């Protein structure tokens, strides 16, 4: 096909036209685009610019619209004496900015009164996934549940792909924005003034029901520990019930976690758990089945996951010992707040 070019005279006539954007999109000519960048005029002050506004007008436009933006501030307690390793955690979170299903971190600021640092994040108007389930669970279909879980798995896979581990994945750290779910709080379960060298008792930080048994035994965090946490979130999303909803979050619960019979994501052996990518692929397949009206046995029972209540609530005869002295439980609070264990 023969290429056609606009003459300089024609270009001069259309460069300030209200149709200029449509024309430049439809006429795919690199030379034309470069010429427009060079000779385009600011919409507001009509001064030469390479975009819709010149730098001065762009700044004014930003200031006028800034008041309409919504963001969330997450206070980091005890961060006046913040440690370098904690700053590194925040830096890791920032590496994920722009990734799908990861809440956007804009940066950090400081409370002028308390001197504690605060993270500036996207605002999730629907709150956490737990809040959403409390309000809307009876209205959710299988499609809704699998859709949410797929995007959580997708986000977790994004985290793992760049070599990071979340380490504090629980339903309170899954946020609901419109129709999407987002992961937040990358590795922020420890206090800001935490010092690994001073942690001689090897305390574990996190929300107990979501902590993998190997972590309770003092092993290091791995991607498999995140998968265990996802398995608990999966149970919670499908059943609507918080994990261990009828059990105190104490040392006895920690022992049950280390002894329980579990499906694959909750396998006591981290080597037997699937990867985030494998989980994502399975959930994508389930989405396809639901979309095309296929109902395998798993989707024919609305109470499918309720039968697994005994999986995470009941001790199993195949005992795997844990030293109770390693556990440090502060209280029996069942909220989704990270604590020292």
Foldseek 3Di string as FASTA:
>chain_A
DDADDDDPVVCVVPLLPPCNVVVPVVRPDPVSLVVSLQAHAANPPRHRHRDNHHPVVVVVVCVVCVVVADKDKAWFPPCLVFDPVLVVQVVLLQVCAPPQQAWHWPAKDADPPVRTIITITHDFPQAFVLSVLVVCVVVDAPLLLLQALLRVLVQLVVQPVVPAAQLADARNQWGHHPSYIHGYRRPSQDHRRDDPVPPPLLWRKYQQLLAALVVLQPDDDDQLSVLSSSQQVSLCSLQVAHQPNVHFRDLVLSQQLCAFADPQSSDNDSVSHDGSVVVSVVSVVVSVCVVVPHDDPCNVDSCNSVVCSCRSHPGDPPGDDGDSVSHDDDGRDNDRHMDTD
